[in-house]
Amino acid sequence: MQPQQLRASEVTSSSFRLAWPPLLTADSGYYVLELTPSAEPGNVRRQQLPGNATGWAWVSLDPDTDYDVELVPESNVHLVRPQYLRVHTLPEEAGPERIVISHARPRSLRVSWAPALGPAAVLGYHVQFGPLLGGAAQRVEVPAGRNSTTLQGLAPGTAYLVTVTAAFRSGRERALSAKACTPDGERSRAPRPQPPGAGGREP
C-alpha cells in the first residue's frame, strides 16, 4: 500500500500550503487537486497542476473549518493512487479592539479592551506602556481569559502610549495602541500649605 505523502503546513485561519514528493513528471501526466469543506460536500474547488508540481497553497478559506483535500495524479504511464488529507484551519485571529482607559489616578490607570476573536487561539496578552515623550517602557502580562489590567507606578500629569498585544497559538501577534494621561494629582487635590509670610502680601 502506498504511504501517505501529502502534507499540509503553514496553516492559518484562511490558508494552508500543501506539499508532496514528485509522483509524476512534466511528461508523464498532471495532477487534479480538489478542496472540499467537510460540512459542504457540494462546494468543491478544483485546481489542475502540471506533473512536475510538488506544492500548492489554498487561500481565502473559512476559519475554524475542516477541509478535505484530494490529490489525484492523472497519468497514462504510471498508476499512482490518489492522496487524501484533512486539514483544519485555525480560529479567526482578530483584535484586540477598542482600548478603554478608565480609573485614571495620578500614579495608576486601568486599561480594558474588547477581547480578540477566536479566544481558543489566544495564548494571552501583553500590555506595554511608556511615556509619550520618551522614557523606559514597561510590560505587563495578562492571561488569555482577562481583558483588563491596572497599570501602576505611573508619573502624575504624564501622557503615556499604551499598546495591547494579543499573542496567538500560531505564533503571530496583533496589537492596538492608545494614548492615556494621568491627572496632575498633587496640585489638583489641594494647594500645598505654605509657611506663614510666604507668597502673601503684608496688609
N, C-alpha and C. Protein backbone atom coordinates (compact mmCIF):
# COMPACT_ATOMS: atom_id res chain seq x y z
N MET A 1 0.84 -1.19 0.00
CA MET A 1 0.00 0.00 0.00
C MET A 1 0.88 1.25 0.00
N GLN A 2 0.53 2.21 -0.79
CA GLN A 2 1.34 3.42 -0.92
C GLN A 2 1.24 4.29 0.33
N PRO A 3 2.38 4.74 0.87
CA PRO A 3 2.33 5.56 2.08
C PRO A 3 1.71 6.93 1.80
N GLN A 4 1.16 7.51 2.84
CA GLN A 4 0.61 8.86 2.74
C GLN A 4 1.75 9.85 2.55
N GLN A 5 1.72 10.60 1.46
CA GLN A 5 2.82 11.52 1.16
C GLN A 5 2.38 12.96 1.04
N LEU A 6 1.08 13.21 1.12
CA LEU A 6 0.56 14.56 1.04
C LEU A 6 0.63 15.21 2.42
N ARG A 7 1.21 16.38 2.50
CA ARG A 7 1.41 17.06 3.78
C ARG A 7 0.87 18.49 3.72
N ALA A 8 0.42 19.00 4.87
CA ALA A 8 -0.02 20.39 4.97
C ALA A 8 0.91 21.13 5.93
N SER A 9 1.17 22.41 5.63
CA SER A 9 2.00 23.24 6.50
C SER A 9 1.50 24.68 6.41
N GLU A 10 2.07 25.54 7.25
CA GLU A 10 1.73 26.98 7.25
C GLU A 10 0.21 27.18 7.35
N VAL A 11 -0.43 26.42 8.22
CA VAL A 11 -1.89 26.52 8.37
C VAL A 11 -2.23 27.79 9.14
N THR A 12 -3.11 28.61 8.58
CA THR A 12 -3.60 29.82 9.25
C THR A 12 -5.13 29.75 9.31
N SER A 13 -5.76 30.87 9.68
CA SER A 13 -7.22 30.90 9.73
C SER A 13 -7.85 30.97 8.34
N SER A 14 -7.06 31.30 7.31
CA SER A 14 -7.65 31.47 5.97
C SER A 14 -6.84 30.80 4.86
N SER A 15 -5.82 30.04 5.20
CA SER A 15 -5.00 29.43 4.14
C SER A 15 -4.18 28.27 4.69
N PHE A 16 -3.68 27.44 3.79
CA PHE A 16 -2.64 26.46 4.15
C PHE A 16 -1.91 26.04 2.88
N ARG A 17 -0.73 25.49 3.09
CA ARG A 17 0.12 25.09 1.97
C ARG A 17 0.21 23.56 1.94
N LEU A 18 0.11 23.01 0.75
CA LEU A 18 0.24 21.56 0.55
C LEU A 18 1.56 21.24 -0.13
N ALA A 19 2.11 20.09 0.21
CA ALA A 19 3.35 19.65 -0.44
C ALA A 19 3.30 18.13 -0.60
N TRP A 20 3.93 17.65 -1.68
CA TRP A 20 4.01 16.20 -1.93
C TRP A 20 5.29 15.93 -2.72
N PRO A 21 5.80 14.72 -2.65
CA PRO A 21 7.01 14.39 -3.41
C PRO A 21 6.69 14.28 -4.90
N PRO A 22 7.71 14.27 -5.76
CA PRO A 22 7.46 14.15 -7.20
C PRO A 22 6.87 12.77 -7.54
N LEU A 23 5.56 12.71 -7.68
CA LEU A 23 4.89 11.45 -8.02
C LEU A 23 4.84 11.25 -9.54
N LEU A 24 4.86 12.36 -10.28
CA LEU A 24 4.84 12.31 -11.74
C LEU A 24 5.98 13.18 -12.27
N THR A 25 6.10 13.26 -13.58
CA THR A 25 6.98 14.23 -14.22
C THR A 25 6.16 15.08 -15.17
N ALA A 26 6.76 16.13 -15.69
CA ALA A 26 6.03 17.01 -16.60
C ALA A 26 5.55 16.26 -17.83
N ASP A 27 6.25 15.19 -18.22
CA ASP A 27 5.89 14.44 -19.43
C ASP A 27 4.94 13.27 -19.16
N SER A 28 4.81 12.88 -17.88
CA SER A 28 4.06 11.64 -17.62
C SER A 28 2.63 11.87 -17.16
N GLY A 29 2.22 13.13 -16.98
CA GLY A 29 0.85 13.34 -16.57
C GLY A 29 0.67 14.69 -15.88
N TYR A 30 -0.45 14.81 -15.15
CA TYR A 30 -0.76 16.05 -14.44
C TYR A 30 -1.53 15.69 -13.16
N TYR A 31 -1.74 16.67 -12.32
CA TYR A 31 -2.48 16.48 -11.07
C TYR A 31 -3.80 17.23 -11.12
N VAL A 32 -4.82 16.65 -10.49
CA VAL A 32 -6.05 17.37 -10.19
C VAL A 32 -6.15 17.44 -8.67
N LEU A 33 -6.19 18.67 -8.15
CA LEU A 33 -6.25 18.91 -6.72
C LEU A 33 -7.65 19.40 -6.37
N GLU A 34 -8.31 18.74 -5.41
CA GLU A 34 -9.66 19.12 -5.01
C GLU A 34 -9.68 19.49 -3.54
N LEU A 35 -10.45 20.54 -3.23
CA LEU A 35 -10.61 21.02 -1.86
C LEU A 35 -12.10 21.10 -1.56
N THR A 36 -12.53 20.44 -0.47
CA THR A 36 -13.96 20.39 -0.14
C THR A 36 -14.15 20.66 1.35
N PRO A 37 -14.97 21.65 1.72
CA PRO A 37 -15.31 21.80 3.14
C PRO A 37 -16.07 20.55 3.60
N SER A 38 -15.65 19.96 4.72
CA SER A 38 -16.27 18.71 5.17
C SER A 38 -17.77 18.85 5.36
N ALA A 39 -18.21 20.03 5.82
CA ALA A 39 -19.64 20.25 6.09
C ALA A 39 -20.42 20.59 4.83
N GLU A 40 -19.72 20.87 3.72
CA GLU A 40 -20.40 21.23 2.47
C GLU A 40 -19.80 20.43 1.31
N PRO A 41 -20.17 19.16 1.21
CA PRO A 41 -19.55 18.30 0.17
C PRO A 41 -19.79 18.77 -1.25
N GLY A 42 -20.83 19.58 -1.46
CA GLY A 42 -21.09 20.06 -2.82
C GLY A 42 -20.26 21.26 -3.23
N ASN A 43 -19.57 21.86 -2.28
CA ASN A 43 -18.82 23.08 -2.55
C ASN A 43 -17.35 22.75 -2.79
N VAL A 44 -17.06 22.25 -3.99
CA VAL A 44 -15.72 21.74 -4.31
C VAL A 44 -14.94 22.78 -5.12
N ARG A 45 -13.68 22.97 -4.73
CA ARG A 45 -12.77 23.80 -5.53
C ARG A 45 -11.73 22.87 -6.17
N ARG A 46 -11.48 23.09 -7.47
CA ARG A 46 -10.53 22.23 -8.19
C ARG A 46 -9.40 23.06 -8.79
N GLN A 47 -8.24 22.45 -8.84
CA GLN A 47 -7.08 23.09 -9.46
C GLN A 47 -6.29 22.03 -10.21
N GLN A 48 -6.01 22.30 -11.51
CA GLN A 48 -5.18 21.37 -12.29
C GLN A 48 -3.74 21.89 -12.29
N LEU A 49 -2.81 20.98 -12.03
CA LEU A 49 -1.40 21.34 -11.92
C LEU A 49 -0.55 20.44 -12.80
N PRO A 50 0.58 20.96 -13.31
CA PRO A 50 1.44 20.13 -14.16
C PRO A 50 2.09 18.99 -13.38
N GLY A 51 2.56 18.00 -14.11
CA GLY A 51 3.12 16.80 -13.48
C GLY A 51 4.38 17.05 -12.68
N ASN A 52 5.06 18.18 -12.92
CA ASN A 52 6.28 18.45 -12.15
C ASN A 52 6.00 19.31 -10.91
N ALA A 53 4.73 19.57 -10.61
CA ALA A 53 4.39 20.36 -9.43
C ALA A 53 4.57 19.51 -8.18
N THR A 54 4.99 20.17 -7.09
CA THR A 54 5.14 19.46 -5.81
C THR A 54 4.52 20.26 -4.66
N GLY A 55 3.66 21.24 -4.98
CA GLY A 55 3.03 22.01 -3.90
C GLY A 55 1.99 22.97 -4.44
N TRP A 56 1.14 23.42 -3.53
CA TRP A 56 0.09 24.38 -3.87
C TRP A 56 -0.42 25.00 -2.58
N ALA A 57 -0.78 26.28 -2.63
CA ALA A 57 -1.33 26.96 -1.44
C ALA A 57 -2.79 27.32 -1.71
N TRP A 58 -3.67 26.88 -0.81
CA TRP A 58 -5.07 27.28 -0.86
C TRP A 58 -5.25 28.52 0.01
N VAL A 59 -5.94 29.53 -0.52
CA VAL A 59 -6.17 30.78 0.22
C VAL A 59 -7.67 31.10 0.21
N SER A 60 -8.04 32.18 0.90
CA SER A 60 -9.44 32.63 1.01
C SER A 60 -10.34 31.54 1.58
N LEU A 61 -9.85 30.87 2.62
CA LEU A 61 -10.63 29.81 3.27
C LEU A 61 -11.37 30.37 4.48
N ASP A 62 -12.32 29.58 4.99
CA ASP A 62 -13.06 29.97 6.20
C ASP A 62 -12.28 29.54 7.43
N PRO A 63 -12.32 30.36 8.49
CA PRO A 63 -11.61 29.97 9.72
C PRO A 63 -12.30 28.84 10.45
N ASP A 64 -11.52 28.10 11.26
CA ASP A 64 -12.05 27.06 12.14
C ASP A 64 -12.92 26.05 11.39
N THR A 65 -12.41 25.57 10.24
CA THR A 65 -13.19 24.70 9.35
C THR A 65 -12.35 23.50 8.93
N ASP A 66 -13.00 22.32 8.85
CA ASP A 66 -12.36 21.13 8.31
C ASP A 66 -12.45 21.13 6.79
N TYR A 67 -11.32 20.90 6.13
CA TYR A 67 -11.29 20.78 4.67
C TYR A 67 -10.72 19.42 4.29
N ASP A 68 -11.39 18.76 3.33
CA ASP A 68 -10.88 17.50 2.78
C ASP A 68 -10.14 17.79 1.48
N VAL A 69 -8.91 17.33 1.41
CA VAL A 69 -8.06 17.55 0.24
C VAL A 69 -7.86 16.22 -0.48
N GLU A 70 -7.98 16.24 -1.80
CA GLU A 70 -7.71 15.05 -2.61
C GLU A 70 -6.75 15.44 -3.73
N LEU A 71 -5.64 14.74 -3.80
CA LEU A 71 -4.66 14.94 -4.86
C LEU A 71 -4.71 13.73 -5.79
N VAL A 72 -5.15 13.95 -7.03
CA VAL A 72 -5.31 12.85 -7.99
C VAL A 72 -4.25 12.95 -9.08
N PRO A 73 -3.26 12.07 -9.09
CA PRO A 73 -2.29 12.06 -10.19
C PRO A 73 -2.91 11.37 -11.42
N GLU A 74 -2.98 12.09 -12.53
CA GLU A 74 -3.54 11.55 -13.77
C GLU A 74 -2.38 11.22 -14.71
N SER A 75 -2.23 9.92 -15.02
CA SER A 75 -1.09 9.53 -15.85
C SER A 75 -1.43 8.28 -16.65
N ASN A 76 -0.99 8.27 -17.92
CA ASN A 76 -1.12 7.07 -18.75
C ASN A 76 0.12 6.19 -18.63
N VAL A 77 1.14 6.70 -17.92
CA VAL A 77 2.41 5.97 -17.81
C VAL A 77 2.49 5.20 -16.50
N HIS A 78 2.15 5.89 -15.39
CA HIS A 78 2.21 5.25 -14.07
C HIS A 78 0.82 5.22 -13.46
N LEU A 79 0.58 4.16 -12.68
CA LEU A 79 -0.63 4.13 -11.87
C LEU A 79 -0.26 4.63 -10.47
N VAL A 80 -0.68 5.84 -10.17
CA VAL A 80 -0.39 6.43 -8.86
C VAL A 80 -1.72 6.71 -8.17
N ARG A 81 -1.85 6.16 -6.97
CA ARG A 81 -3.12 6.30 -6.26
C ARG A 81 -3.33 7.74 -5.76
N PRO A 82 -4.59 8.17 -5.65
CA PRO A 82 -4.87 9.49 -5.09
C PRO A 82 -4.39 9.59 -3.64
N GLN A 83 -4.10 10.79 -3.24
CA GLN A 83 -3.69 11.07 -1.86
C GLN A 83 -4.79 11.90 -1.19
N TYR A 84 -5.08 11.59 0.07
CA TYR A 84 -6.14 12.29 0.79
C TYR A 84 -5.58 12.90 2.08
N LEU A 85 -6.18 14.02 2.48
CA LEU A 85 -5.74 14.69 3.70
C LEU A 85 -6.88 15.56 4.21
N ARG A 86 -7.04 15.62 5.53
CA ARG A 86 -8.00 16.55 6.12
C ARG A 86 -7.21 17.61 6.90
N VAL A 87 -7.54 18.88 6.64
CA VAL A 87 -6.83 20.00 7.28
C VAL A 87 -7.86 20.87 7.98
N HIS A 88 -7.55 21.28 9.20
CA HIS A 88 -8.44 22.16 9.97
C HIS A 88 -7.80 23.54 10.06
N THR A 89 -8.49 24.55 9.52
CA THR A 89 -7.95 25.92 9.60
C THR A 89 -8.08 26.44 11.03
N LEU A 90 -7.22 27.37 11.38
CA LEU A 90 -7.21 27.92 12.74
C LEU A 90 -8.41 28.84 12.95
N PRO A 91 -8.81 29.02 14.23
CA PRO A 91 -9.85 30.02 14.51
C PRO A 91 -9.38 31.40 14.06
N GLU A 92 -10.33 32.25 13.78
CA GLU A 92 -10.01 33.58 13.27
C GLU A 92 -9.21 34.36 14.31
N GLU A 93 -8.19 35.07 13.83
CA GLU A 93 -7.33 35.86 14.70
C GLU A 93 -7.59 37.34 14.43
N ALA A 94 -8.28 37.98 15.33
CA ALA A 94 -8.55 39.41 15.16
C ALA A 94 -8.61 40.06 16.53
N GLY A 95 -8.23 41.32 16.57
CA GLY A 95 -8.27 42.02 17.83
C GLY A 95 -6.88 42.17 18.41
N PRO A 96 -6.75 42.72 19.58
CA PRO A 96 -7.81 43.31 20.40
C PRO A 96 -8.40 44.58 19.77
N GLU A 97 -9.57 44.97 20.20
CA GLU A 97 -10.23 46.15 19.65
C GLU A 97 -10.66 47.07 20.78
N ARG A 98 -10.79 48.36 20.45
CA ARG A 98 -11.36 49.36 21.36
C ARG A 98 -10.71 49.35 22.74
N ILE A 99 -9.57 49.97 22.85
CA ILE A 99 -8.94 50.15 24.15
C ILE A 99 -9.68 51.25 24.92
N VAL A 100 -10.02 50.97 26.16
CA VAL A 100 -10.71 51.93 27.02
C VAL A 100 -9.83 52.23 28.23
N ILE A 101 -9.58 53.51 28.48
CA ILE A 101 -8.80 53.93 29.63
C ILE A 101 -9.77 54.46 30.69
N SER A 102 -9.67 53.97 31.92
CA SER A 102 -10.58 54.41 32.98
C SER A 102 -9.83 54.45 34.30
N HIS A 103 -10.53 54.91 35.35
CA HIS A 103 -9.97 54.96 36.71
C HIS A 103 -8.60 55.63 36.72
N ALA A 104 -8.48 56.75 36.01
CA ALA A 104 -7.19 57.44 35.93
C ALA A 104 -6.87 58.09 37.27
N ARG A 105 -5.74 57.72 37.84
CA ARG A 105 -5.23 58.30 39.07
C ARG A 105 -3.85 58.90 38.76
N PRO A 106 -3.33 59.73 39.67
CA PRO A 106 -2.01 60.32 39.38
C PRO A 106 -0.92 59.27 39.11
N ARG A 107 -1.00 58.10 39.76
CA ARG A 107 0.06 57.10 39.60
C ARG A 107 -0.44 55.75 39.08
N SER A 108 -1.67 55.69 38.61
CA SER A 108 -2.18 54.43 38.07
C SER A 108 -3.35 54.71 37.13
N LEU A 109 -3.64 53.77 36.26
CA LEU A 109 -4.85 53.84 35.43
C LEU A 109 -5.21 52.43 34.98
N ARG A 110 -6.48 52.27 34.61
CA ARG A 110 -6.98 50.96 34.20
C ARG A 110 -7.13 50.91 32.69
N VAL A 111 -6.67 49.82 32.12
CA VAL A 111 -6.75 49.60 30.68
C VAL A 111 -7.67 48.40 30.43
N SER A 112 -8.69 48.59 29.59
CA SER A 112 -9.58 47.49 29.19
C SER A 112 -9.64 47.45 27.67
N TRP A 113 -9.97 46.28 27.12
CA TRP A 113 -10.06 46.17 25.67
C TRP A 113 -11.08 45.09 25.32
N ALA A 114 -11.67 45.23 24.14
CA ALA A 114 -12.54 44.17 23.63
C ALA A 114 -11.64 42.99 23.29
N PRO A 115 -11.94 41.79 23.81
CA PRO A 115 -11.02 40.68 23.60
C PRO A 115 -10.93 40.26 22.13
N ALA A 116 -9.85 39.58 21.83
CA ALA A 116 -9.63 39.11 20.46
C ALA A 116 -10.67 38.06 20.08
N LEU A 117 -11.00 38.01 18.81
CA LEU A 117 -11.86 36.94 18.31
C LEU A 117 -11.10 35.62 18.35
N GLY A 118 -11.85 34.52 18.43
CA GLY A 118 -11.19 33.22 18.48
C GLY A 118 -10.42 33.04 19.76
N PRO A 119 -11.11 33.14 20.94
CA PRO A 119 -10.39 33.08 22.21
C PRO A 119 -9.58 31.80 22.39
N ALA A 120 -10.02 30.71 21.74
CA ALA A 120 -9.27 29.46 21.87
C ALA A 120 -7.88 29.58 21.25
N ALA A 121 -7.72 30.54 20.34
CA ALA A 121 -6.44 30.69 19.66
C ALA A 121 -5.49 31.63 20.38
N VAL A 122 -5.98 32.30 21.46
CA VAL A 122 -5.17 33.31 22.15
C VAL A 122 -4.41 32.67 23.30
N LEU A 123 -3.10 32.87 23.32
CA LEU A 123 -2.28 32.41 24.44
C LEU A 123 -2.35 33.38 25.61
N GLY A 124 -2.46 34.67 25.31
CA GLY A 124 -2.50 35.69 26.35
C GLY A 124 -2.26 37.05 25.73
N TYR A 125 -2.23 38.06 26.58
CA TYR A 125 -1.99 39.44 26.13
C TYR A 125 -0.77 39.99 26.85
N HIS A 126 -0.07 40.91 26.20
CA HIS A 126 0.86 41.73 26.96
C HIS A 126 0.58 43.20 26.69
N VAL A 127 0.65 43.96 27.78
CA VAL A 127 0.36 45.40 27.74
C VAL A 127 1.67 46.14 27.98
N GLN A 128 2.07 46.93 27.01
CA GLN A 128 3.31 47.71 27.13
C GLN A 128 2.94 49.18 27.26
N PHE A 129 3.62 49.90 28.16
CA PHE A 129 3.30 51.31 28.36
C PHE A 129 4.56 52.08 28.71
N GLY A 130 4.62 53.29 28.16
CA GLY A 130 5.76 54.16 28.43
C GLY A 130 5.38 55.59 28.11
N PRO A 131 6.11 56.58 28.69
CA PRO A 131 5.81 57.99 28.43
C PRO A 131 5.92 58.33 26.95
N LEU A 132 4.96 59.13 26.48
CA LEU A 132 4.96 59.52 25.06
C LEU A 132 6.22 60.30 24.69
N LEU A 133 6.72 61.09 25.62
CA LEU A 133 7.87 61.95 25.31
C LEU A 133 9.19 61.24 25.55
N GLY A 134 9.16 59.93 25.67
CA GLY A 134 10.40 59.19 25.84
C GLY A 134 10.58 58.73 27.26
N GLY A 135 11.26 57.63 27.42
CA GLY A 135 11.45 57.03 28.73
C GLY A 135 11.30 55.53 28.62
N ALA A 136 11.63 54.85 29.70
CA ALA A 136 11.61 53.38 29.66
C ALA A 136 10.18 52.86 29.59
N ALA A 137 9.96 51.88 28.72
CA ALA A 137 8.65 51.24 28.62
C ALA A 137 8.61 50.05 29.57
N GLN A 138 7.44 49.80 30.12
CA GLN A 138 7.23 48.64 30.99
C GLN A 138 6.22 47.71 30.34
N ARG A 139 6.21 46.46 30.80
CA ARG A 139 5.34 45.47 30.19
C ARG A 139 4.65 44.64 31.27
N VAL A 140 3.36 44.39 31.07
CA VAL A 140 2.57 43.59 31.99
C VAL A 140 1.96 42.42 31.20
N GLU A 141 2.06 41.21 31.74
CA GLU A 141 1.46 40.04 31.09
C GLU A 141 0.05 39.83 31.65
N VAL A 142 -0.90 39.56 30.75
CA VAL A 142 -2.30 39.34 31.14
C VAL A 142 -2.74 37.99 30.57
N PRO A 143 -3.29 37.09 31.39
CA PRO A 143 -3.72 35.78 30.85
C PRO A 143 -4.87 35.91 29.86
N ALA A 144 -5.05 34.87 29.06
CA ALA A 144 -6.00 34.91 27.94
C ALA A 144 -7.43 35.18 28.38
N GLY A 145 -7.83 34.74 29.58
CA GLY A 145 -9.22 34.89 29.99
C GLY A 145 -9.59 36.28 30.46
N ARG A 146 -8.62 37.19 30.56
CA ARG A 146 -8.92 38.53 31.07
C ARG A 146 -8.74 39.57 29.97
N ASN A 147 -9.45 40.70 30.11
CA ASN A 147 -9.30 41.75 29.09
C ASN A 147 -9.17 43.13 29.74
N SER A 148 -8.54 43.17 30.94
CA SER A 148 -8.24 44.45 31.56
C SER A 148 -7.10 44.27 32.55
N THR A 149 -6.43 45.38 32.86
CA THR A 149 -5.37 45.36 33.87
C THR A 149 -5.17 46.78 34.37
N THR A 150 -4.63 46.91 35.57
CA THR A 150 -4.33 48.22 36.14
C THR A 150 -2.83 48.47 36.07
N LEU A 151 -2.45 49.56 35.46
CA LEU A 151 -1.04 49.93 35.34
C LEU A 151 -0.66 50.76 36.56
N GLN A 152 0.41 50.37 37.23
CA GLN A 152 0.83 51.02 38.47
C GLN A 152 2.17 51.73 38.26
N GLY A 153 2.50 52.56 39.23
CA GLY A 153 3.81 53.19 39.23
C GLY A 153 4.00 54.24 38.15
N LEU A 154 2.91 54.93 37.78
CA LEU A 154 2.99 55.95 36.74
C LEU A 154 3.37 57.30 37.34
N ALA A 155 3.75 58.23 36.48
CA ALA A 155 4.08 59.58 36.92
C ALA A 155 2.85 60.47 36.76
N PRO A 156 2.56 61.34 37.74
CA PRO A 156 1.41 62.24 37.62
C PRO A 156 1.58 63.21 36.45
N GLY A 157 0.44 63.60 35.86
CA GLY A 157 0.47 64.61 34.80
C GLY A 157 1.31 64.22 33.61
N THR A 158 1.25 62.95 33.20
CA THR A 158 2.11 62.45 32.12
C THR A 158 1.27 61.73 31.08
N ALA A 159 1.59 61.95 29.80
CA ALA A 159 0.92 61.24 28.70
C ALA A 159 1.67 59.94 28.41
N TYR A 160 0.94 58.85 28.30
CA TYR A 160 1.53 57.53 28.05
C TYR A 160 0.99 56.96 26.74
N LEU A 161 1.81 56.14 26.11
CA LEU A 161 1.36 55.31 24.98
C LEU A 161 1.19 53.89 25.50
N VAL A 162 -0.03 53.38 25.38
CA VAL A 162 -0.35 52.03 25.87
C VAL A 162 -0.62 51.14 24.66
N THR A 163 0.06 50.01 24.60
CA THR A 163 -0.12 49.07 23.49
C THR A 163 -0.53 47.71 24.05
N VAL A 164 -1.69 47.20 23.59
CA VAL A 164 -2.18 45.88 23.98
C VAL A 164 -1.93 44.92 22.82
N THR A 165 -1.22 43.83 23.08
CA THR A 165 -0.88 42.86 22.03
C THR A 165 -1.47 41.49 22.40
N ALA A 166 -2.21 40.90 21.46
CA ALA A 166 -2.72 39.54 21.63
C ALA A 166 -1.71 38.58 21.01
N ALA A 167 -1.29 37.58 21.78
CA ALA A 167 -0.36 36.56 21.27
C ALA A 167 -1.17 35.30 20.95
N PHE A 168 -1.09 34.84 19.71
CA PHE A 168 -1.88 33.69 19.26
C PHE A 168 -1.04 32.41 19.24
N ARG A 169 -1.74 31.29 19.33
CA ARG A 169 -1.06 29.99 19.32
C ARG A 169 -0.28 29.74 18.02
N SER A 170 -0.69 30.42 16.96
CA SER A 170 0.00 30.24 15.68
C SER A 170 1.38 30.90 15.68
N GLY A 171 1.67 31.69 16.74
CA GLY A 171 2.95 32.40 16.78
C GLY A 171 2.84 33.84 16.33
N ARG A 172 1.68 34.21 15.77
CA ARG A 172 1.50 35.59 15.31
C ARG A 172 0.96 36.46 16.44
N GLU A 173 1.04 37.78 16.23
CA GLU A 173 0.55 38.73 17.22
C GLU A 173 -0.25 39.82 16.53
N ARG A 174 -1.22 40.38 17.25
CA ARG A 174 -1.97 41.54 16.76
C ARG A 174 -1.97 42.58 17.88
N ALA A 175 -1.72 43.84 17.53
CA ALA A 175 -1.58 44.87 18.55
C ALA A 175 -2.46 46.07 18.25
N LEU A 176 -2.79 46.81 19.29
CA LEU A 176 -3.56 48.05 19.18
C LEU A 176 -3.04 49.01 20.24
N SER A 177 -2.91 50.29 19.87
CA SER A 177 -2.35 51.27 20.80
C SER A 177 -3.34 52.40 21.08
N ALA A 178 -3.16 53.04 22.23
CA ALA A 178 -3.98 54.20 22.61
C ALA A 178 -3.15 55.10 23.51
N LYS A 179 -3.53 56.39 23.52
CA LYS A 179 -2.87 57.34 24.42
C LYS A 179 -3.67 57.45 25.71
N ALA A 180 -2.96 57.66 26.80
CA ALA A 180 -3.61 57.83 28.11
C ALA A 180 -2.84 58.87 28.91
N CYS A 181 -3.55 59.65 29.71
CA CYS A 181 -2.91 60.69 30.53
C CYS A 181 -3.27 60.48 32.00
N THR A 182 -2.27 60.59 32.85
CA THR A 182 -2.54 60.58 34.29
C THR A 182 -2.85 62.01 34.73
N PRO A 183 -3.78 62.18 35.69
CA PRO A 183 -4.07 63.53 36.17
C PRO A 183 -2.90 64.09 36.97
N ASP A 184 -2.86 65.40 37.03
CA ASP A 184 -1.78 66.08 37.73
C ASP A 184 -2.14 66.09 39.21
N GLY A 185 -1.91 64.98 39.88
CA GLY A 185 -2.51 64.68 41.16
C GLY A 185 -2.29 65.64 42.29
N GLU A 186 -1.04 65.88 42.65
CA GLU A 186 -0.78 66.64 43.88
C GLU A 186 -1.38 68.04 43.84
N ARG A 187 -1.22 68.71 42.69
CA ARG A 187 -1.68 70.10 42.62
C ARG A 187 -3.20 70.17 42.50
N SER A 188 -3.84 69.14 41.89
CA SER A 188 -5.27 69.23 41.65
C SER A 188 -6.09 68.93 42.90
N ARG A 189 -5.53 68.22 43.85
CA ARG A 189 -6.31 67.86 45.03
C ARG A 189 -6.45 69.04 45.99
N ALA A 190 -5.34 69.64 46.39
CA ALA A 190 -5.39 70.75 47.33
C ALA A 190 -4.08 71.50 47.24
N PRO A 191 -4.12 72.80 47.42
CA PRO A 191 -2.85 73.54 47.41
C PRO A 191 -2.00 73.13 48.60
N ARG A 192 -0.69 73.11 48.37
CA ARG A 192 0.20 72.75 49.46
C ARG A 192 0.19 73.86 50.51
N PRO A 193 0.22 73.47 51.77
CA PRO A 193 0.26 74.52 52.81
C PRO A 193 1.55 75.33 52.69
N GLN A 194 1.41 76.63 52.84
CA GLN A 194 2.59 77.49 52.72
C GLN A 194 2.98 78.01 54.11
N PRO A 195 4.26 78.17 54.35
CA PRO A 195 4.69 78.71 55.65
C PRO A 195 4.20 80.15 55.80
N PRO A 196 3.98 80.62 57.02
CA PRO A 196 3.48 81.99 57.23
C PRO A 196 4.39 83.02 56.58
N GLY A 197 3.76 84.00 55.93
CA GLY A 197 4.52 85.08 55.32
C GLY A 197 5.05 84.75 53.95
N ALA A 198 4.89 83.50 53.48
CA ALA A 198 5.41 83.16 52.16
C ALA A 198 4.32 83.39 51.13
N GLY A 199 4.59 84.18 50.12
CA GLY A 199 3.69 84.32 48.99
C GLY A 199 2.61 85.36 49.18
N GLY A 200 2.21 85.69 50.40
CA GLY A 200 1.13 86.65 50.58
C GLY A 200 1.68 88.06 50.85
N ARG A 201 0.90 89.06 50.51
CA ARG A 201 1.32 90.45 50.79
C ARG A 201 0.98 90.83 52.23
N GLU A 202 1.82 91.62 52.79
CA GLU A 202 1.51 92.15 54.12
C GLU A 202 0.43 93.22 53.98
N PRO A 203 -0.52 93.24 54.87
CA PRO A 203 -1.55 94.30 54.77
C PRO A 203 -0.93 95.67 54.98
